[in-house]
Each structure stands twice: as C-alpha cells, then as structure tokens.
Amino acid sequence: MKFFVRIILIITIAGLSACSSKEEMIVDKKVSEPDLEQASALNVQLALGYIERQQLSVAQQKLEKAIEQDSDNVDAYTTMAYMKRIINEFDEAEDYYLKALDIDSSDPNIHNNYGGLLCQMGRYDDALDEIKLAYENPFYESPYLAFTNAGTCLLKKGDYRQAEQMLRKALRDQPKFADALLSMAEIGVNTEKYLMARAYIQRYHAVADTSAESLWIQIQAEKALGSQDHYLKYATQLLRQYPDSDEAGMLEEMRRNERILQ
C-alpha cells in the first residue's frame, strides 16, 4: 500500500465532487439516446464522489452503469481501474486499463497510470515501457508526473542511478513536487547518502504533511549522521502520531537491536 500512494494517478474529470441527490435522480431516469453520453459522464463523477467517501460498492454500480450507457467512455474504464487498484484487485484493474487503451491508445495519462499499476504488480520492465510512452509524448502537459512514476518504479526495482536521473528531471520541472522529493530522500537512505536524504526529506516536509514513511526516512538519516537530538525528536513524533504503522514497528525493532548490542 505504501508504494501505491507514491504512484501518481491522474483522473481527468471535471467536478469530481458533484454528487447531489438531484443529479442522482437525473442519472437514474430513463434517458433518450442522445443523452446517454452525458448520463455516463455524470455517473463517473458520482462514482468518484462515492470512492472518496469509501462507498465502493455504490461506486462500482455507478461505473458499471456508465459503461452500459456509453461503452466508449474512457473515463469510466480508468476510474474503474483506479477503484480496483484501491482494493488490490490488480488483474481486474489491468483489464480496465487495457479496455481504455483500446479506445484511446494515445492518452499519456492512461499509459502513466497503467504503468504505475504494472509497477505495483512487480512487472517493472513492462511498467517502465508504459510510463515511457507518457513522458515521451510531445503533447503531454505534465511529463513530471511520468518522470516521477518512472523514478519511483526504478527505485522499487533497485536501480537507484536511473531512478535518480528520472526524479531529477521531474524536479527540474516541478522543484516542489512532493512525491519526487520523497523518492529522492529514500534513494539517499538506500545508497547511504545521508546528507542527500536529509536535504530532500526537509524539502519534502516543507511542502507536504509528515507521514510515517517520511518520518522513518528522516529518522534513518539523522541517526546515520549522528544527530541524536533530531533522531529522538522524529522518533518520538513517529511513535506518537503513527503508533500502529509498519514504520513504528521497524523503529522499535531497531531500538531493541541496539539494546542487544550494547
């Protein structure tokens, strides 16, 4: 799940939270043939609202209806794929991305998101090929998103050199992009470049809220750099704010190992 959060998903639909009961009545009415595309689009918007509120069963019904109303509605397929990823139904998510690509194979957002899914599934080379189709598209308005996805996937693959190259490209375009900053900080820890890790995690915390993951990166960097006060500060914060996180468990294990060695 942690890695899923770091994969960039793009849902290009206006008015995502438009979810009034009046709209529900409009969508549920029997509509004439020329209105089916509009009704399908509205059902996708409603589904996104339900996804935000974690009412996934209702969201799925809305998306199924949207596809029934307009079988060429790319947004319906990509939103269904997004929902399937949330619940870790990766094979079904892949089917929906492929259906979306059958309709519009040139959309860089679909390639980027599909690549993110493939990386979640551990199919790194296939993932990077898909993401490449996004950042090499001359009409893609947000290539930094694909560069970040590629860098984060390369990080997961263990190719830190190429991961860093991709993430630096993203940060040249968007210097404050949090996902790229966090991945760069993780590279710093994994390659024992702890000053680099500290610099990037500080930049990350300047633009984004702390998380268990970000605090754990900072803890490792501060400990390796011998900054005991900062190490204790962030360790305390991690245990206080995220006591049930995997990172809190790793911190406790690290402390137990230190006591054994003493």
Protein backbone atom coordinates (compact mmCIF):
# COMPACT_ATOMS: atom_id res chain seq x y z
CA MET A 1 0.00 0.00 0.00
CA LYS A 2 2.75 2.46 0.73
CA PHE A 3 4.07 2.20 -2.78
CA PHE A 4 0.59 2.67 -4.21
CA VAL A 5 0.41 6.06 -2.53
CA ARG A 6 3.62 7.05 -4.29
CA ILE A 7 2.34 6.12 -7.75
CA ILE A 8 0.75 9.10 -9.45
CA LEU A 9 -2.83 8.64 -10.60
CA ILE A 10 -4.47 11.13 -12.93
CA ILE A 11 -8.25 11.33 -13.12
CA THR A 12 -9.09 13.97 -15.71
CA ILE A 13 -12.72 14.60 -14.97
CA ALA A 14 -14.19 17.99 -14.08
CA GLY A 15 -16.33 18.48 -11.00
CA LEU A 16 -15.30 15.32 -9.18
CA SER A 17 -17.36 16.02 -6.08
CA ALA A 18 -20.58 16.92 -7.92
CA CYS A 19 -22.76 14.41 -6.14
CA SER A 20 -26.17 15.90 -5.25
CA SER A 21 -29.38 13.94 -4.89
CA LYS A 22 -30.83 15.95 -7.77
CA GLU A 23 -28.09 14.65 -10.06
CA GLU A 24 -28.76 11.12 -8.82
CA MET A 25 -32.37 11.43 -9.93
CA ILE A 26 -31.34 12.71 -13.36
CA VAL A 27 -28.95 9.82 -13.90
CA ASP A 28 -31.41 7.17 -12.74
CA LYS A 29 -34.18 8.34 -15.07
CA LYS A 30 -34.66 6.62 -18.41
CA VAL A 31 -32.79 8.91 -20.80
CA SER A 32 -33.14 9.30 -24.54
CA GLU A 33 -30.39 8.04 -26.83
CA PRO A 34 -28.67 11.44 -27.40
CA ASP A 35 -28.35 11.95 -23.62
CA LEU A 36 -26.59 8.67 -22.83
CA GLU A 37 -23.07 10.06 -23.13
CA GLN A 38 -23.89 12.89 -20.73
CA ALA A 39 -25.53 10.49 -18.28
CA SER A 40 -22.50 8.19 -18.47
CA ALA A 41 -20.15 11.09 -17.71
CA LEU A 42 -22.26 12.13 -14.75
CA ASN A 43 -22.29 8.60 -13.36
CA VAL A 44 -18.47 8.62 -13.44
CA GLN A 45 -18.46 11.87 -11.44
CA LEU A 46 -20.88 10.38 -8.94
CA ALA A 47 -18.71 7.26 -8.66
CA LEU A 48 -15.67 9.37 -7.80
CA GLY A 49 -17.63 11.01 -5.03
CA TYR A 50 -18.53 7.62 -3.62
CA ILE A 51 -14.92 6.46 -3.89
CA GLU A 52 -13.81 9.50 -1.89
CA ARG A 53 -16.30 8.51 0.81
CA GLN A 54 -15.16 4.86 0.58
CA GLN A 55 -18.60 3.68 -0.57
CA LEU A 56 -17.03 1.39 -3.12
CA SER A 57 -19.98 -0.89 -3.77
CA VAL A 58 -22.16 2.04 -4.86
CA ALA A 59 -19.26 3.48 -6.85
CA GLN A 60 -18.91 0.22 -8.76
CA GLN A 61 -22.62 0.22 -9.59
CA LYS A 62 -22.35 3.76 -10.96
CA LEU A 63 -19.33 2.85 -13.08
CA GLU A 64 -20.98 -0.27 -14.44
CA LYS A 65 -23.97 1.88 -15.38
CA ALA A 66 -21.69 4.45 -17.00
CA ILE A 67 -20.08 1.77 -19.17
CA GLU A 68 -23.51 0.38 -20.08
CA GLN A 69 -24.66 3.86 -21.11
CA ASP A 70 -21.51 4.65 -23.14
CA SER A 71 -19.16 1.80 -23.93
CA ASP A 72 -16.62 4.30 -25.32
CA ASN A 73 -16.37 6.37 -22.14
CA VAL A 74 -12.65 6.16 -21.38
CA ASP A 75 -13.09 7.87 -18.01
CA ALA A 76 -15.46 5.12 -16.88
CA TYR A 77 -12.85 2.43 -17.55
CA THR A 78 -9.93 4.33 -16.00
CA THR A 79 -11.97 5.22 -12.91
CA MET A 80 -13.00 1.59 -12.52
CA ALA A 81 -9.31 0.63 -12.81
CA TYR A 82 -8.47 3.22 -10.15
CA MET A 83 -11.08 1.74 -7.80
CA LYS A 84 -9.85 -1.80 -8.42
CA ARG A 85 -6.34 -0.70 -7.50
CA ILE A 86 -7.59 0.68 -4.21
CA ILE A 87 -8.93 -2.74 -3.25
CA ASN A 88 -5.88 -4.58 -4.67
CA GLU A 89 -7.77 -6.30 -7.47
CA PHE A 90 -4.87 -5.74 -9.83
CA ASP A 91 -5.81 -8.17 -12.59
CA GLU A 92 -9.22 -6.57 -12.98
CA ALA A 93 -7.64 -3.12 -12.88
CA GLU A 94 -5.34 -4.13 -15.72
CA ASP A 95 -8.31 -5.31 -17.80
CA TYR A 96 -9.97 -1.92 -17.44
CA TYR A 97 -6.81 -0.02 -18.37
CA LEU A 98 -6.43 -2.19 -21.47
CA LYS A 99 -10.04 -1.50 -22.45
CA ALA A 100 -9.39 2.23 -22.06
CA LEU A 101 -6.28 1.96 -24.24
CA ASP A 102 -8.28 0.09 -26.87
CA ILE A 103 -10.46 3.18 -27.11
CA ASP A 104 -7.69 5.79 -26.88
CA SER A 105 -4.17 4.44 -27.20
CA SER A 106 -2.64 7.92 -27.42
CA ASP A 107 -3.67 9.22 -23.98
CA PRO A 108 -0.46 9.68 -21.91
CA ASN A 109 -2.38 9.71 -18.63
CA ILE A 110 -3.67 6.20 -19.26
CA HIS A 111 -0.19 4.94 -20.12
CA ASN A 112 1.23 6.59 -17.00
CA ASN A 113 -1.44 5.13 -14.72
CA TYR A 114 -1.28 1.70 -16.32
CA GLY A 115 2.49 1.76 -15.89
CA GLY A 116 2.00 2.57 -12.23
CA LEU A 117 -0.24 -0.46 -11.84
CA LEU A 118 2.28 -2.74 -13.57
CA CYS A 119 4.96 -1.48 -11.19
CA GLN A 120 2.72 -2.31 -8.23
CA MET A 121 2.43 -5.80 -9.66
CA GLY A 122 6.22 -6.13 -9.83
CA ARG A 123 6.32 -6.09 -13.64
CA TYR A 124 8.95 -3.38 -13.69
CA ASP A 125 10.15 -3.54 -17.29
CA ASP A 126 6.61 -3.56 -18.68
CA ALA A 127 5.76 -0.70 -16.33
CA LEU A 128 8.68 1.42 -17.47
CA ASP A 129 7.79 0.83 -21.11
CA GLU A 130 4.26 2.11 -20.47
CA ILE A 131 5.40 5.13 -18.49
CA LYS A 132 7.91 5.97 -21.22
CA LEU A 133 5.00 6.27 -23.67
CA ALA A 134 3.70 9.03 -21.41
CA TYR A 135 6.81 11.14 -20.85
CA GLU A 136 7.92 10.84 -24.48
CA ASN A 137 4.56 12.06 -25.74
CA PRO A 138 5.22 15.63 -27.02
CA PHE A 139 1.64 16.63 -26.23
CA TYR A 140 1.76 15.53 -22.58
CA GLU A 141 1.28 18.64 -20.47
CA SER A 142 2.60 17.10 -17.22
CA PRO A 143 5.64 14.97 -18.04
CA TYR A 144 6.98 15.46 -14.49
CA LEU A 145 4.25 13.07 -13.30
CA ALA A 146 5.53 10.32 -15.60
CA PHE A 147 9.17 11.06 -14.71
CA THR A 148 8.23 10.69 -11.04
CA ASN A 149 6.39 7.44 -11.71
CA ALA A 150 9.37 6.10 -13.66
CA GLY A 151 11.80 7.18 -10.94
CA THR A 152 9.72 5.65 -8.18
CA CYS A 153 9.36 2.41 -10.13
CA LEU A 154 13.11 2.27 -10.75
CA LEU A 155 13.61 2.88 -7.03
CA LYS A 156 11.40 -0.11 -6.24
CA LYS A 157 13.32 -2.14 -8.82
CA GLY A 158 16.58 -1.21 -7.06
CA ASP A 159 18.07 0.78 -9.96
CA TYR A 160 18.97 3.83 -7.91
CA ARG A 161 21.14 5.55 -10.51
CA GLN A 162 18.46 5.67 -13.18
CA ALA A 163 15.80 6.40 -10.58
CA GLU A 164 17.70 9.49 -9.51
CA GLN A 165 18.06 10.64 -13.12
CA MET A 166 14.32 10.40 -13.70
CA LEU A 167 13.42 12.11 -10.44
CA ARG A 168 15.82 14.97 -11.14
CA LYS A 169 14.04 15.52 -14.45
CA ALA A 170 10.74 15.74 -12.59
CA LEU A 171 12.17 18.21 -10.07
CA ARG A 172 13.67 20.41 -12.78
CA ASP A 173 10.11 20.89 -13.99
CA GLN A 174 8.42 20.98 -10.56
CA PRO A 175 11.00 21.64 -7.78
CA LYS A 176 8.40 21.31 -5.02
CA PHE A 177 6.70 18.14 -6.22
CA ALA A 178 6.34 16.14 -3.01
CA ASP A 179 6.31 12.62 -4.46
CA ALA A 180 9.59 13.18 -6.30
CA LEU A 181 11.21 14.73 -3.21
CA LEU A 182 10.20 11.77 -1.05
CA SER A 183 11.58 9.25 -3.52
CA MET A 184 14.85 11.17 -3.75
CA ALA A 185 15.13 11.11 0.04
CA GLU A 186 14.57 7.35 0.02
CA ILE A 187 17.31 6.94 -2.58
CA GLY A 188 19.62 8.86 -0.25
CA VAL A 189 18.93 6.43 2.60
CA ASN A 190 19.20 3.34 0.41
CA THR A 191 22.54 4.46 -1.04
CA GLU A 192 23.87 5.69 2.33
CA LYS A 193 23.99 9.30 1.09
CA TYR A 194 22.50 10.56 4.30
CA LEU A 195 23.12 14.27 3.75
CA MET A 196 21.23 13.94 0.48
CA ALA A 197 18.43 12.10 2.28
CA ARG A 198 18.22 14.82 4.94
CA ALA A 199 18.16 17.61 2.35
CA TYR A 200 15.35 16.05 0.33
CA ILE A 201 13.24 14.99 3.27
CA GLN A 202 13.47 18.51 4.68
CA ARG A 203 12.33 19.87 1.31
CA TYR A 204 9.51 17.34 1.37
CA HIS A 205 8.35 18.36 4.84
CA ALA A 206 8.36 21.99 3.73
CA VAL A 207 5.64 21.28 1.15
CA ALA A 208 3.77 18.23 2.49
CA ASP A 209 2.44 16.86 5.75
CA THR A 210 4.52 14.33 7.62
CA SER A 211 3.73 10.66 7.21
CA ALA A 212 5.01 7.51 8.86
CA GLU A 213 7.12 6.90 5.76
CA SER A 214 8.63 10.38 5.64
CA LEU A 215 9.43 10.38 9.37
CA TRP A 216 11.10 6.99 9.09
CA ILE A 217 13.33 8.28 6.29
CA GLN A 218 14.28 11.30 8.39
CA ILE A 219 14.95 9.13 11.44
CA GLN A 220 17.33 6.92 9.48
CA ALA A 221 19.15 9.92 8.02
CA GLU A 222 19.51 11.73 11.35
CA LYS A 223 20.70 8.60 13.15
CA ALA A 224 23.32 7.87 10.48
CA LEU A 225 24.52 11.48 10.63
CA GLY A 226 24.90 11.28 14.42
CA SER A 227 22.28 13.93 15.13
CA GLN A 228 20.91 12.39 18.31
CA ASP A 229 18.56 15.26 19.20
CA HIS A 230 16.88 15.23 15.81
CA TYR A 231 16.77 11.43 15.77
CA LEU A 232 14.94 11.38 19.11
CA LYS A 233 12.64 14.20 18.05
CA TYR A 234 11.43 12.43 14.91
CA ALA A 235 11.36 9.00 16.58
CA THR A 236 9.08 10.39 19.28
CA GLN A 237 6.88 12.04 16.65
CA LEU A 238 6.58 8.81 14.68
CA LEU A 239 5.56 6.78 17.72
CA ARG A 240 3.11 9.42 18.86
CA GLN A 241 1.40 10.09 15.52
CA TYR A 242 1.62 6.67 13.87
CA PRO A 243 1.92 4.08 16.66
CA ASP A 244 0.36 1.27 14.60
CA SER A 245 2.37 1.86 11.43
CA ASP A 246 4.89 -0.54 9.93
CA GLU A 247 7.49 2.19 10.38
CA ALA A 248 6.82 2.40 14.13
CA GLY A 249 7.39 -1.35 14.27
CA MET A 250 10.69 -1.00 12.41
CA LEU A 251 11.78 1.76 14.79
CA GLU A 252 11.00 -0.40 17.82
CA GLU A 253 12.92 -3.30 16.29
CA MET A 254 15.90 -1.05 15.63
CA ARG A 255 15.86 0.10 19.26
CA ARG A 256 15.68 -3.49 20.51
CA ASN A 257 18.66 -4.45 18.36
CA GLU A 258 20.64 -1.50 19.72
CA ARG A 259 19.95 -2.64 23.30
CA ILE A 260 21.07 -6.18 22.46
CA LEU A 261 24.34 -4.89 21.01
CA GLN A 262 25.10 -2.70 24.00
